[in-house]
Amino acid sequence: MGSGGFARRSLWATWFDENGASLPIVVPIDDVPELPDDQLIDNVMRVLAEIIDESEATSAAVLLSWPGAGGKGADDLVWARTLLAAARRQGVPLWPVHLATADQVQAFTPDDLAAAG
């Protein structure tokens, strides 16, 4: 993140141990599309699962970021729903998905995810 916020659309991943402590690794995937691509999402979930299988990690978290200010939009909800569905399909223990913009960080709540959209 630069002084004015995020410079590009990115998906960030990190991992947590059984006590909820974060591991010292954060992986950005830059220039993600406005809407998720199924192949990209499946690949991300495979990497999250591999790290969990091969380290002391027991869960993962992802954060979507984009330039500018603002809150959750329809495209962001599609991302969150797609990520969570892929995590369930592949058995990846995933923390709530978050969105970060220049002015805020927000979790996607169950109400967000259940809303029609």
PDB file of N, CA and C in Angstrom:
ATOM      1  N   MET A   1       0.848  -1.176   0.000  1.00  0.00           N
ATOM      2  CA  MET A   1       0.000   0.000   0.000  1.00  0.00           C
ATOM      3  C   MET A   1       0.888   1.231   0.000  1.00  0.00           C
ATOM      4  N   GLY A   2       0.627   2.117  -0.896  1.00  0.00           N
ATOM      5  CA  GLY A   2       1.384   3.360  -0.964  1.00  0.00           C
ATOM      6  C   GLY A   2       0.732   4.438  -0.117  1.00  0.00           C
ATOM      7  N   SER A   3       1.270   5.633  -0.198  1.00  0.00           N
ATOM      8  CA  SER A   3       0.768   6.729   0.641  1.00  0.00           C
ATOM      9  C   SER A   3      -0.672   7.108   0.307  1.00  0.00           C
ATOM     10  N   GLY A   4      -1.116   6.860  -0.917  1.00  0.00           N
ATOM     11  CA  GLY A   4      -2.476   7.198  -1.299  1.00  0.00           C
ATOM     12  C   GLY A   4      -3.410   6.013  -1.322  1.00  0.00           C
ATOM     13  N   GLY A   5      -2.972   4.895  -0.800  1.00  0.00           N
ATOM     14  CA  GLY A   5      -3.803   3.692  -0.812  1.00  0.00           C
ATOM     15  C   GLY A   5      -3.200   2.636  -1.711  1.00  0.00           C
ATOM     16  N   PHE A   6      -4.020   1.729  -2.141  1.00  0.00           N
ATOM     17  CA  PHE A   6      -3.564   0.631  -2.979  1.00  0.00           C
ATOM     18  C   PHE A   6      -3.464   1.092  -4.426  1.00  0.00           C
ATOM     19  N   ALA A   7      -2.423   0.651  -5.116  1.00  0.00           N
ATOM     20  CA  ALA A   7      -2.182   1.083  -6.487  1.00  0.00           C
ATOM     21  C   ALA A   7      -2.908   0.212  -7.509  1.00  0.00           C
ATOM     22  N   ARG A   8      -3.317  -0.993  -7.128  1.00  0.00           N
ATOM     23  CA  ARG A   8      -3.939  -1.923  -8.072  1.00  0.00           C
ATOM     24  C   ARG A   8      -4.888  -2.853  -7.330  1.00  0.00           C
ATOM     25  N   ARG A   9      -5.697  -3.551  -8.099  1.00  0.00           N
ATOM     26  CA  ARG A   9      -6.583  -4.572  -7.511  1.00  0.00           C
ATOM     27  C   ARG A   9      -5.714  -5.762  -7.161  1.00  0.00           C
ATOM     28  N   SER A  10      -5.792  -6.194  -5.919  1.00  0.00           N
ATOM     29  CA  SER A  10      -4.975  -7.320  -5.464  1.00  0.00           C
ATOM     30  C   SER A  10      -5.786  -8.207  -4.536  1.00  0.00           C
ATOM     31  N   LEU A  11      -5.337  -9.446  -4.458  1.00  0.00           N
ATOM     32  CA  LEU A  11      -5.854 -10.395  -3.494  1.00  0.00           C
ATOM     33  C   LEU A  11      -4.678 -10.787  -2.615  1.00  0.00           C
ATOM     34  N   TRP A  12      -4.817 -10.636  -1.313  1.00  0.00           N
ATOM     35  CA  TRP A  12      -3.744 -10.905  -0.358  1.00  0.00           C
ATOM     36  C   TRP A  12      -4.090 -12.153   0.432  1.00  0.00           C
ATOM     37  N   ALA A  13      -3.108 -12.994   0.678  1.00  0.00           N
ATOM     38  CA  ALA A  13      -3.329 -14.215   1.465  1.00  0.00           C
ATOM     39  C   ALA A  13      -2.344 -14.267   2.621  1.00  0.00           C
ATOM     40  N   THR A  14      -2.826 -14.780   3.737  1.00  0.00           N
ATOM     41  CA  THR A  14      -1.973 -15.036   4.896  1.00  0.00           C
ATOM     42  C   THR A  14      -2.521 -16.268   5.609  1.00  0.00           C
ATOM     43  N   TRP A  15      -1.716 -16.798   6.522  1.00  0.00           N
ATOM     44  CA  TRP A  15      -2.074 -18.041   7.206  1.00  0.00           C
ATOM     45  C   TRP A  15      -1.974 -17.862   8.707  1.00  0.00           C
ATOM     46  N   PHE A  16      -2.720 -18.712   9.440  1.00  0.00           N
ATOM     47  CA  PHE A  16      -2.765 -18.662  10.895  1.00  0.00           C
ATOM     48  C   PHE A  16      -2.527 -20.050  11.471  1.00  0.00           C
ATOM     49  N   ASP A  17      -1.933 -20.078  12.689  1.00  0.00           N
ATOM     50  CA  ASP A  17      -1.720 -21.359  13.357  1.00  0.00           C
ATOM     51  C   ASP A  17      -2.945 -21.719  14.199  1.00  0.00           C
ATOM     52  N   GLU A  18      -2.855 -22.827  14.907  1.00  0.00           N
ATOM     53  CA  GLU A  18      -4.005 -23.320  15.682  1.00  0.00           C
ATOM     54  C   GLU A  18      -4.445 -22.376  16.786  1.00  0.00           C
ATOM     55  N   ASN A  19      -3.575 -21.459  17.197  1.00  0.00           N
ATOM     56  CA  ASN A  19      -3.923 -20.476  18.222  1.00  0.00           C
ATOM     57  C   ASN A  19      -4.435 -19.162  17.638  1.00  0.00           C
ATOM     58  N   GLY A  20      -4.532 -19.093  16.316  1.00  0.00           N
ATOM     59  CA  GLY A  20      -4.995 -17.871  15.665  1.00  0.00           C
ATOM     60  C   GLY A  20      -3.905 -16.846  15.452  1.00  0.00           C
ATOM     61  N   ALA A  21      -2.656 -17.214  15.694  1.00  0.00           N
ATOM     62  CA  ALA A  21      -1.535 -16.298  15.460  1.00  0.00           C
ATOM     63  C   ALA A  21      -1.156 -16.356  13.982  1.00  0.00           C
ATOM     64  N   SER A  22      -0.918 -15.190  13.394  1.00  0.00           N
ATOM     65  CA  SER A  22      -0.576 -15.177  11.976  1.00  0.00           C
ATOM     66  C   SER A  22       0.865 -15.616  11.761  1.00  0.00           C
ATOM     67  N   LEU A  23       1.060 -16.353  10.687  1.00  0.00           N
ATOM     68  CA  LEU A  23       2.409 -16.751  10.288  1.00  0.00           C
ATOM     69  C   LEU A  23       3.066 -15.550   9.602  1.00  0.00           C
ATOM     70  N   PRO A  24       4.389 -15.506   9.587  1.00  0.00           N
ATOM     71  CA  PRO A  24       5.078 -14.324   9.043  1.00  0.00           C
ATOM     72  C   PRO A  24       5.170 -14.344   7.511  1.00  0.00           C
ATOM     73  N   ILE A  25       4.041 -14.560   6.870  1.00  0.00           N
ATOM     74  CA  ILE A  25       4.026 -14.547   5.414  1.00  0.00           C
ATOM     75  C   ILE A  25       2.715 -13.943   4.929  1.00  0.00           C
ATOM     76  N   VAL A  26       2.827 -13.023   3.992  1.00  0.00           N
ATOM     77  CA  VAL A  26       1.677 -12.422   3.323  1.00  0.00           C
ATOM     78  C   VAL A  26       1.996 -12.450   1.836  1.00  0.00           C
ATOM     79  N   VAL A  27       1.095 -13.015   1.057  1.00  0.00           N
ATOM     80  CA  VAL A  27       1.320 -13.157  -0.375  1.00  0.00           C
ATOM     81  C   VAL A  27       0.305 -12.311  -1.136  1.00  0.00           C
ATOM     82  N   PRO A  28       0.780 -11.301  -1.885  1.00  0.00           N
ATOM     83  CA  PRO A  28      -0.138 -10.539  -2.738  1.00  0.00           C
ATOM     84  C   PRO A  28      -0.223 -11.166  -4.130  1.00  0.00           C
ATOM     85  N   ILE A  29      -1.407 -11.154  -4.682  1.00  0.00           N
ATOM     86  CA  ILE A  29      -1.626 -11.525  -6.074  1.00  0.00           C
ATOM     87  C   ILE A  29      -2.159 -10.256  -6.732  1.00  0.00           C
ATOM     88  N   ASP A  30      -1.319  -9.611  -7.514  1.00  0.00           N
ATOM     89  CA  ASP A  30      -1.661  -8.304  -8.070  1.00  0.00           C
ATOM     90  C   ASP A  30      -2.414  -8.401  -9.390  1.00  0.00           C
ATOM     91  N   ASP A  31      -3.117  -7.317  -9.684  1.00  0.00           N
ATOM     92  CA  ASP A  31      -3.829  -7.148 -10.946  1.00  0.00           C
ATOM     93  C   ASP A  31      -4.902  -8.215 -11.173  1.00  0.00           C
ATOM     94  N   VAL A  32      -5.632  -8.542 -10.105  1.00  0.00           N
ATOM     95  CA  VAL A  32      -6.737  -9.485 -10.270  1.00  0.00           C
ATOM     96  C   VAL A  32      -7.868  -8.784 -11.029  1.00  0.00           C
ATOM     97  N   PRO A  33      -8.671  -9.561 -11.755  1.00  0.00           N
ATOM     98  CA  PRO A  33      -9.763  -8.953 -12.528  1.00  0.00           C
ATOM     99  C   PRO A  33     -10.877  -8.426 -11.627  1.00  0.00           C
ATOM    100  N   GLU A  34     -11.737  -7.590 -12.202  1.00  0.00           N
ATOM    101  CA  GLU A  34     -12.854  -7.045 -11.421  1.00  0.00           C
ATOM    102  C   GLU A  34     -13.792  -8.136 -10.930  1.00  0.00           C
ATOM    103  N   LEU A  35     -13.962  -9.171 -11.724  1.00  0.00           N
ATOM    104  CA  LEU A  35     -14.760 -10.328 -11.314  1.00  0.00           C
ATOM    105  C   LEU A  35     -13.854 -11.547 -11.259  1.00  0.00           C
ATOM    106  N   PRO A  36     -14.097 -12.443 -10.315  1.00  0.00           N
ATOM    107  CA  PRO A  36     -13.196 -13.589 -10.160  1.00  0.00           C
ATOM    108  C   PRO A  36     -13.271 -14.552 -11.339  1.00  0.00           C
ATOM    109  N   ASP A  37     -12.151 -15.135 -11.609  1.00  0.00           N
ATOM    110  CA  ASP A  37     -12.015 -16.166 -12.634  1.00  0.00           C
ATOM    111  C   ASP A  37     -11.936 -17.505 -11.909  1.00  0.00           C
ATOM    112  N   ASP A  38     -12.742 -18.476 -12.320  1.00  0.00           N
ATOM    113  CA  ASP A  38     -12.800 -19.756 -11.609  1.00  0.00           C
ATOM    114  C   ASP A  38     -11.445 -20.444 -11.522  1.00  0.00           C
ATOM    115  N   GLN A  39     -10.669 -20.404 -12.595  1.00  0.00           N
ATOM    116  CA  GLN A  39      -9.362 -21.049 -12.583  1.00  0.00           C
ATOM    117  C   GLN A  39      -8.435 -20.360 -11.579  1.00  0.00           C
ATOM    118  N   LEU A  40      -8.438 -19.038 -11.558  1.00  0.00           N
ATOM    119  CA  LEU A  40      -7.628 -18.286 -10.598  1.00  0.00           C
ATOM    120  C   LEU A  40      -8.018 -18.656  -9.173  1.00  0.00           C
ATOM    121  N   ILE A  41      -9.305 -18.681  -8.893  1.00  0.00           N
ATOM    122  CA  ILE A  41      -9.779 -18.980  -7.544  1.00  0.00           C
ATOM    123  C   ILE A  41      -9.395 -20.404  -7.149  1.00  0.00           C
ATOM    124  N   ASP A  42      -9.557 -21.358  -8.051  1.00  0.00           N
ATOM    125  CA  ASP A  42      -9.172 -22.736  -7.733  1.00  0.00           C
ATOM    126  C   ASP A  42      -7.672 -22.829  -7.456  1.00  0.00           C
ATOM    127  N   ASN A  43      -6.867 -22.112  -8.231  1.00  0.00           N
ATOM    128  CA  ASN A  43      -5.414 -22.111  -8.001  1.00  0.00           C
ATOM    129  C   ASN A  43      -5.066 -21.482  -6.654  1.00  0.00           C
ATOM    130  N   VAL A  44      -5.721 -20.398  -6.310  1.00  0.00           N
ATOM    131  CA  VAL A  44      -5.475 -19.754  -5.012  1.00  0.00           C
ATOM    132  C   VAL A  44      -5.816 -20.727  -3.887  1.00  0.00           C
ATOM    133  N   MET A  45      -6.938 -21.395  -3.983  1.00  0.00           N
ATOM    134  CA  MET A  45      -7.328 -22.343  -2.929  1.00  0.00           C
ATOM    135  C   MET A  45      -6.348 -23.499  -2.826  1.00  0.00           C
ATOM    136  N   ARG A  46      -5.836 -23.963  -3.960  1.00  0.00           N
ATOM    137  CA  ARG A  46      -4.832 -25.035  -3.928  1.00  0.00           C
ATOM    138  C   ARG A  46      -3.578 -24.590  -3.191  1.00  0.00           C
ATOM    139  N   VAL A  47      -3.132 -23.358  -3.445  1.00  0.00           N
ATOM    140  CA  VAL A  47      -1.945 -22.838  -2.753  1.00  0.00           C
ATOM    141  C   VAL A  47      -2.222 -22.682  -1.265  1.00  0.00           C
ATOM    142  N   LEU A  48      -3.384 -22.136  -0.916  1.00  0.00           N
ATOM    143  CA  LEU A  48      -3.731 -21.994   0.505  1.00  0.00           C
ATOM    144  C   LEU A  48      -3.697 -23.360   1.191  1.00  0.00           C
ATOM    145  N   ALA A  49      -4.286 -24.365   0.540  1.00  0.00           N
ATOM    146  CA  ALA A  49      -4.326 -25.717   1.113  1.00  0.00           C
ATOM    147  C   ALA A  49      -2.933 -26.325   1.228  1.00  0.00           C
ATOM    148  N   GLU A  50      -2.084 -26.113   0.231  1.00  0.00           N
ATOM    149  CA  GLU A  50      -0.726 -26.664   0.270  1.00  0.00           C
ATOM    150  C   GLU A  50       0.068 -26.098   1.445  1.00  0.00           C
ATOM    151  N   ILE A  51      -0.049 -24.801   1.674  1.00  0.00           N
ATOM    152  CA  ILE A  51       0.669 -24.185   2.799  1.00  0.00           C
ATOM    153  C   ILE A  51       0.150 -24.759   4.113  1.00  0.00           C
ATOM    154  N   ILE A  52      -1.162 -24.929   4.218  1.00  0.00           N
ATOM    155  CA  ILE A  52      -1.738 -25.515   5.430  1.00  0.00           C
ATOM    156  C   ILE A  52      -1.225 -26.937   5.623  1.00  0.00           C
ATOM    157  N   ASP A  53      -1.172 -27.700   4.553  1.00  0.00           N
ATOM    158  CA  ASP A  53      -0.716 -29.098   4.638  1.00  0.00           C
ATOM    159  C   ASP A  53       0.770 -29.220   4.973  1.00  0.00           C
ATOM    160  N   GLU A  54       1.573 -28.236   4.559  1.00  0.00           N
ATOM    161  CA  GLU A  54       3.026 -28.360   4.669  1.00  0.00           C
ATOM    162  C   GLU A  54       3.658 -27.481   5.753  1.00  0.00           C
ATOM    163  N   SER A  55       2.847 -26.858   6.591  1.00  0.00           N
ATOM    164  CA  SER A  55       3.387 -25.965   7.619  1.00  0.00           C
ATOM    165  C   SER A  55       2.578 -26.105   8.903  1.00  0.00           C
ATOM    166  N   GLU A  56       2.857 -25.240   9.856  1.00  0.00           N
ATOM    167  CA  GLU A  56       2.090 -25.242  11.102  1.00  0.00           C
ATOM    168  C   GLU A  56       0.766 -24.491  10.966  1.00  0.00           C
ATOM    169  N   ALA A  57       0.474 -23.985   9.770  1.00  0.00           N
ATOM    170  CA  ALA A  57      -0.783 -23.274   9.540  1.00  0.00           C
ATOM    171  C   ALA A  57      -1.965 -24.237   9.636  1.00  0.00           C
ATOM    172  N   THR A  58      -3.067 -23.724  10.175  1.00  0.00           N
ATOM    173  CA  THR A  58      -4.294 -24.519  10.246  1.00  0.00           C
ATOM    174  C   THR A  58      -5.455 -23.825   9.541  1.00  0.00           C
ATOM    175  N   SER A  59      -5.263 -22.564   9.138  1.00  0.00           N
ATOM    176  CA  SER A  59      -6.299 -21.813   8.435  1.00  0.00           C
ATOM    177  C   SER A  59      -5.648 -20.700   7.633  1.00  0.00           C
ATOM    178  N   ALA A  60      -6.448 -20.088   6.772  1.00  0.00           N
ATOM    179  CA  ALA A  60      -5.950 -19.009   5.919  1.00  0.00           C
ATOM    180  C   ALA A  60      -6.950 -17.859   5.918  1.00  0.00           C
ATOM    181  N   ALA A  61      -6.479 -16.715   5.459  1.00  0.00           N
ATOM    182  CA  ALA A  61      -7.343 -15.550   5.297  1.00  0.00           C
ATOM    183  C   ALA A  61      -6.982 -14.860   3.993  1.00  0.00           C
ATOM    184  N   VAL A  62      -7.988 -14.247   3.368  1.00  0.00           N
ATOM    185  CA  VAL A  62      -7.757 -13.480   2.154  1.00  0.00           C
ATOM    186  C   VAL A  62      -8.411 -12.111   2.291  1.00  0.00           C
ATOM    187  N   LEU A  63      -7.776 -11.153   1.640  1.00  0.00           N
ATOM    188  CA  LEU A  63      -8.252  -9.777   1.636  1.00  0.00           C
ATOM    189  C   LEU A  63      -8.178  -9.283   0.202  1.00  0.00           C
ATOM    190  N   LEU A  64      -9.257  -8.687  -0.273  1.00  0.00           N
ATOM    191  CA  LEU A  64      -9.304  -8.068  -1.590  1.00  0.00           C
ATOM    192  C   LEU A  64      -9.025  -6.585  -1.387  1.00  0.00           C
ATOM    193  N   SER A  65      -8.171  -6.004  -2.233  1.00  0.00           N
ATOM    194  CA  SER A  65      -7.920  -4.561  -2.144  1.00  0.00           C
ATOM    195  C   SER A  65      -8.034  -3.940  -3.527  1.00  0.00           C
ATOM    196  N   TRP A  66      -8.409  -2.673  -3.536  1.00  0.00           N
ATOM    197  CA  TRP A  66      -8.446  -1.948  -4.794  1.00  0.00           C
ATOM    198  C   TRP A  66      -8.179  -0.471  -4.557  1.00  0.00           C
ATOM    199  N   PRO A  67      -7.747   0.236  -5.617  1.00  0.00           N
ATOM    200  CA  PRO A  67      -7.436   1.660  -5.476  1.00  0.00           C
ATOM    201  C   PRO A  67      -8.671   2.482  -5.142  1.00  0.00           C
ATOM    202  N   GLY A  68      -8.433   3.588  -4.490  1.00  0.00           N
ATOM    203  CA  GLY A  68      -9.503   4.521  -4.200  1.00  0.00           C
ATOM    204  C   GLY A  68     -10.215   4.213  -2.895  1.00  0.00           C
ATOM    205  N   ALA A  69     -11.212   5.035  -2.628  1.00  0.00           N
ATOM    206  CA  ALA A  69     -11.988   4.918  -1.393  1.00  0.00           C
ATOM    207  C   ALA A  69     -13.319   4.259  -1.701  1.00  0.00           C
ATOM    208  N   GLY A  70     -13.983   3.845  -0.662  1.00  0.00           N
ATOM    209  CA  GLY A  70     -15.320   3.308  -0.842  1.00  0.00           C
ATOM    210  C   GLY A  70     -15.524   2.000  -0.123  1.00  0.00           C
ATOM    211  N   GLY A  71     -16.759   1.586  -0.141  1.00  0.00           N
ATOM    212  CA  GLY A  71     -17.141   0.360   0.541  1.00  0.00           C
ATOM    213  C   GLY A  71     -17.359  -0.782  -0.425  1.00  0.00           C
ATOM    214  N   LYS A  72     -17.983  -1.814   0.094  1.00  0.00           N
ATOM    215  CA  LYS A  72     -18.217  -3.038  -0.665  1.00  0.00           C
ATOM    216  C   LYS A  72     -19.207  -2.798  -1.799  1.00  0.00           C
ATOM    217  N   GLY A  73     -18.826  -3.246  -2.967  1.00  0.00           N
ATOM    218  CA  GLY A  73     -19.708  -3.162  -4.121  1.00  0.00           C
ATOM    219  C   GLY A  73     -20.153  -4.534  -4.568  1.00  0.00           C
ATOM    220  N   ALA A  74     -20.991  -4.578  -5.582  1.00  0.00           N
ATOM    221  CA  ALA A  74     -21.527  -5.842  -6.091  1.00  0.00           C
ATOM    222  C   ALA A  74     -20.411  -6.777  -6.553  1.00  0.00           C
ATOM    223  N   ASP A  75     -19.387  -6.240  -7.251  1.00  0.00           N
ATOM    224  CA  ASP A  75     -18.274  -7.083  -7.711  1.00  0.00           C
ATOM    225  C   ASP A  75     -17.504  -7.673  -6.531  1.00  0.00           C
ATOM    226  N   ASP A  76     -17.357  -6.897  -5.473  1.00  0.00           N
ATOM    227  CA  ASP A  76     -16.649  -7.380  -4.288  1.00  0.00           C
ATOM    228  C   ASP A  76     -17.412  -8.519  -3.627  1.00  0.00           C
ATOM    229  N   LEU A  77     -18.730  -8.409  -3.601  1.00  0.00           N
ATOM    230  CA  LEU A  77     -19.550  -9.487  -3.048  1.00  0.00           C
ATOM    231  C   LEU A  77     -19.412 -10.764  -3.874  1.00  0.00           C
ATOM    232  N   VAL A  78     -19.330 -10.614  -5.189  1.00  0.00           N
ATOM    233  CA  VAL A  78     -19.118 -11.790  -6.046  1.00  0.00           C
ATOM    234  C   VAL A  78     -17.782 -12.436  -5.683  1.00  0.00           C
ATOM    235  N   TRP A  79     -16.740 -11.617  -5.501  1.00  0.00           N
ATOM    236  CA  TRP A  79     -15.432 -12.150  -5.093  1.00  0.00           C
ATOM    237  C   TRP A  79     -15.539 -12.918  -3.780  1.00  0.00           C
ATOM    238  N   ALA A  80     -16.136 -12.295  -2.779  1.00  0.00           N
ATOM    239  CA  ALA A  80     -16.219 -12.925  -1.458  1.00  0.00           C
ATOM    240  C   ALA A  80     -16.999 -14.240  -1.529  1.00  0.00           C
ATOM    241  N   ARG A  81     -18.132 -14.224  -2.189  1.00  0.00           N
ATOM    242  CA  ARG A  81     -18.932 -15.446  -2.304  1.00  0.00           C
ATOM    243  C   ARG A  81     -18.182 -16.544  -3.052  1.00  0.00           C
ATOM    244  N   THR A  82     -17.487 -16.164  -4.118  1.00  0.00           N
ATOM    245  CA  THR A  82     -16.746 -17.139  -4.918  1.00  0.00           C
ATOM    246  C   THR A  82     -15.590 -17.734  -4.126  1.00  0.00           C
ATOM    247  N   LEU A  83     -14.860 -16.883  -3.411  1.00  0.00           N
ATOM    248  CA  LEU A  83     -13.747 -17.368  -2.581  1.00  0.00           C
ATOM    249  C   LEU A  83     -14.244 -18.340  -1.513  1.00  0.00           C
ATOM    250  N   LEU A  84     -15.309 -17.977  -0.824  1.00  0.00           N
ATOM    251  CA  LEU A  84     -15.826 -18.828   0.241  1.00  0.00           C
ATOM    252  C   LEU A  84     -16.376 -20.141  -0.301  1.00  0.00           C
ATOM    253  N   ALA A  85     -17.047 -20.095  -1.444  1.00  0.00           N
ATOM    254  CA  ALA A  85     -17.566 -21.330  -2.035  1.00  0.00           C
ATOM    255  C   ALA A  85     -16.420 -22.253  -2.444  1.00  0.00           C
ATOM    256  N   ALA A  86     -15.368 -21.697  -3.030  1.00  0.00           N
ATOM    257  CA  ALA A  86     -14.210 -22.509  -3.423  1.00  0.00           C
ATOM    258  C   ALA A  86     -13.519 -23.093  -2.195  1.00  0.00           C
ATOM    259  N   ALA A  87     -13.406 -22.312  -1.131  1.00  0.00           N
ATOM    260  CA  ALA A  87     -12.790 -22.818   0.099  1.00  0.00           C
ATOM    261  C   ALA A  87     -13.596 -23.986   0.656  1.00  0.00           C
ATOM    262  N   ARG A  88     -14.902 -23.879   0.651  1.00  0.00           N
ATOM    263  CA  ARG A  88     -15.749 -24.990   1.125  1.00  0.00           C
ATOM    264  C   ARG A  88     -15.558 -26.227   0.247  1.00  0.00           C
ATOM    265  N   ARG A  89     -15.571 -26.028  -1.072  1.00  0.00           N
ATOM    266  CA  ARG A  89     -15.405 -27.171  -1.999  1.00  0.00           C
ATOM    267  C   ARG A  89     -14.080 -27.882  -1.783  1.00  0.00           C
ATOM    268  N   GLN A  90     -13.017 -27.106  -1.536  1.00  0.00           N
ATOM    269  CA  GLN A  90     -11.687 -27.690  -1.424  1.00  0.00           C
ATOM    270  C   GLN A  90     -11.272 -27.959   0.025  1.00  0.00           C
ATOM    271  N   GLY A  91     -12.170 -27.703   0.973  1.00  0.00           N
ATOM    272  CA  GLY A  91     -11.883 -28.000   2.371  1.00  0.00           C
ATOM    273  C   GLY A  91     -10.830 -27.110   2.993  1.00  0.00           C
ATOM    274  N   VAL A  92     -10.739 -25.862   2.546  1.00  0.00           N
ATOM    275  CA  VAL A  92      -9.764 -24.915   3.089  1.00  0.00           C
ATOM    276  C   VAL A  92     -10.423 -24.122   4.213  1.00  0.00           C
ATOM    277  N   PRO A  93      -9.905 -24.228   5.449  1.00  0.00           N
ATOM    278  CA  PRO A  93     -10.446 -23.413   6.550  1.00  0.00           C
ATOM    279  C   PRO A  93     -10.089 -21.951   6.304  1.00  0.00           C
ATOM    280  N   LEU A  94     -11.104 -21.146   5.994  1.00  0.00           N
ATOM    281  CA  LEU A  94     -10.879 -19.757   5.602  1.00  0.00           C
ATOM    282  C   LEU A  94     -11.567 -18.805   6.567  1.00  0.00           C
ATOM    283  N   TRP A  95     -10.818 -17.821   7.033  1.00  0.00           N
ATOM    284  CA  TRP A  95     -11.373 -16.761   7.868  1.00  0.00           C
ATOM    285  C   TRP A  95     -12.294 -15.896   7.012  1.00  0.00           C
ATOM    286  N   PRO A  96     -13.091 -15.019   7.624  1.00  0.00           N
ATOM    287  CA  PRO A  96     -13.943 -14.138   6.820  1.00  0.00           C
ATOM    288  C   PRO A  96     -13.110 -13.329   5.818  1.00  0.00           C
ATOM    289  N   VAL A  97     -13.649 -13.196   4.621  1.00  0.00           N
ATOM    290  CA  VAL A  97     -12.994 -12.404   3.576  1.00  0.00           C
ATOM    291  C   VAL A  97     -13.141 -10.927   3.943  1.00  0.00           C
ATOM    292  N   HIS A  98     -12.088 -10.146   3.674  1.00  0.00           N
ATOM    293  CA  HIS A  98     -12.098  -8.711   3.937  1.00  0.00           C
ATOM    294  C   HIS A  98     -11.843  -7.935   2.654  1.00  0.00           C
ATOM    295  N   LEU A  99     -12.265  -6.671   2.659  1.00  0.00           N
ATOM    296  CA  LEU A  99     -11.993  -5.723   1.582  1.00  0.00           C
ATOM    297  C   LEU A  99     -11.259  -4.540   2.181  1.00  0.00           C
ATOM    298  N   ALA A 100     -10.164  -4.119   1.537  1.00  0.00           N
ATOM    299  CA  ALA A 100      -9.423  -2.932   1.967  1.00  0.00           C
ATOM    300  C   ALA A 100      -9.382  -1.927   0.829  1.00  0.00           C
ATOM    301  N   THR A 101      -9.702  -0.684   1.168  1.00  0.00           N
ATOM    302  CA  THR A 101      -9.578   0.424   0.232  1.00  0.00           C
ATOM    303  C   THR A 101      -8.753   1.504   0.931  1.00  0.00           C
ATOM    304  N   ALA A 102      -8.575   2.625   0.281  1.00  0.00           N
ATOM    305  CA  ALA A 102      -7.729   3.681   0.849  1.00  0.00           C
ATOM    306  C   ALA A 102      -8.257   4.191   2.177  1.00  0.00           C
ATOM    307  N   ASP A 103      -9.569   4.097   2.414  1.00  0.00           N
ATOM    308  CA  ASP A 103     -10.122   4.697   3.618  1.00  0.00           C
ATOM    309  C   ASP A 103     -10.699   3.722   4.634  1.00  0.00           C
ATOM    310  N   GLN A 104     -10.693   2.415   4.330  1.00  0.00           N
ATOM    311  CA  GLN A 104     -11.280   1.484   5.295  1.00  0.00           C
ATOM    312  C   GLN A 104     -10.930   0.031   4.996  1.00  0.00           C
ATOM    313  N   VAL A 105     -11.091  -0.787   6.022  1.00  0.00           N
ATOM    314  CA  VAL A 105     -11.007  -2.239   5.901  1.00  0.00           C
ATOM    315  C   VAL A 105     -12.308  -2.777   6.466  1.00  0.00           C
ATOM    316  N   GLN A 106     -12.965  -3.646   5.691  1.00  0.00           N
ATOM    317  CA  GLN A 106     -14.257  -4.182   6.100  1.00  0.00           C
ATOM    318  C   GLN A 106     -14.296  -5.688   5.894  1.00  0.00           C
ATOM    319  N   ALA A 107     -14.921  -6.377   6.819  1.00  0.00           N
ATOM    320  CA  ALA A 107     -15.170  -7.802   6.668  1.00  0.00           C
ATOM    321  C   ALA A 107     -16.488  -7.988   5.912  1.00  0.00           C
ATOM    322  N   PHE A 108     -16.555  -9.046   5.129  1.00  0.00           N
ATOM    323  CA  PHE A 108     -17.826  -9.428   4.532  1.00  0.00           C
ATOM    324  C   PHE A 108     -18.564 -10.245   5.572  1.00  0.00           C
ATOM    325  N   THR A 109     -19.676  -9.731   6.035  1.00  0.00           N
ATOM    326  CA  THR A 109     -20.442 -10.367   7.097  1.00  0.00           C
ATOM    327  C   THR A 109     -21.402 -11.400   6.507  1.00  0.00           C
ATOM    328  N   PRO A 110     -21.918 -12.281   7.359  1.00  0.00           N
ATOM    329  CA  PRO A 110     -22.936 -13.220   6.863  1.00  0.00           C
ATOM    330  C   PRO A 110     -24.123 -12.501   6.224  1.00  0.00           C
ATOM    331  N   ASP A 111     -24.519 -11.349   6.768  1.00  0.00           N
ATOM    332  CA  ASP A 111     -25.615 -10.588   6.168  1.00  0.00           C
ATOM    333  C   ASP A 111     -25.258 -10.101   4.763  1.00  0.00           C
ATOM    334  N   ASP A 112     -24.001  -9.635   4.572  1.00  0.00           N
ATOM    335  CA  ASP A 112     -23.554  -9.222   3.237  1.00  0.00           C
ATOM    336  C   ASP A 112     -23.675 -10.372   2.256  1.00  0.00           C
ATOM    337  N   LEU A 113     -23.191 -11.524   2.694  1.00  0.00           N
ATOM    338  CA  LEU A 113     -23.082 -12.671   1.798  1.00  0.00           C
ATOM    339  C   LEU A 113     -24.436 -13.302   1.485  1.00  0.00           C
ATOM    340  N   ALA A 114     -25.397 -13.145   2.388  1.00  0.00           N
ATOM    341  CA  ALA A 114     -26.721 -13.724   2.196  1.00  0.00           C
ATOM    342  C   ALA A 114     -27.618 -12.819   1.374  1.00  0.00           C
ATOM    343  N   ALA A 115     -27.280 -11.534   1.311  1.00  0.00           N
ATOM    344  CA  ALA A 115     -28.125 -10.566   0.611  1.00  0.00           C
ATOM    345  C   ALA A 115     -28.215 -10.912  -0.876  1.00  0.00           C
ATOM    346  N   ALA A 116     -29.350 -10.629  -1.445  1.00  0.00           N
ATOM    347  CA  ALA A 116     -29.514 -10.853  -2.891  1.00  0.00           C
ATOM    348  C   ALA A 116     -28.528  -9.970  -3.634  1.00  0.00           C
ATOM    349  N   GLY A 117     -27.962 -10.472  -4.686  1.00  0.00           N
ATOM    350  CA  GLY A 117     -27.043  -9.644  -5.433  1.00  0.00           C
ATOM    351  C   GLY A 117     -26.422 -10.284  -6.519  1.00  0.00           C
TER     352      GLY A 117
END
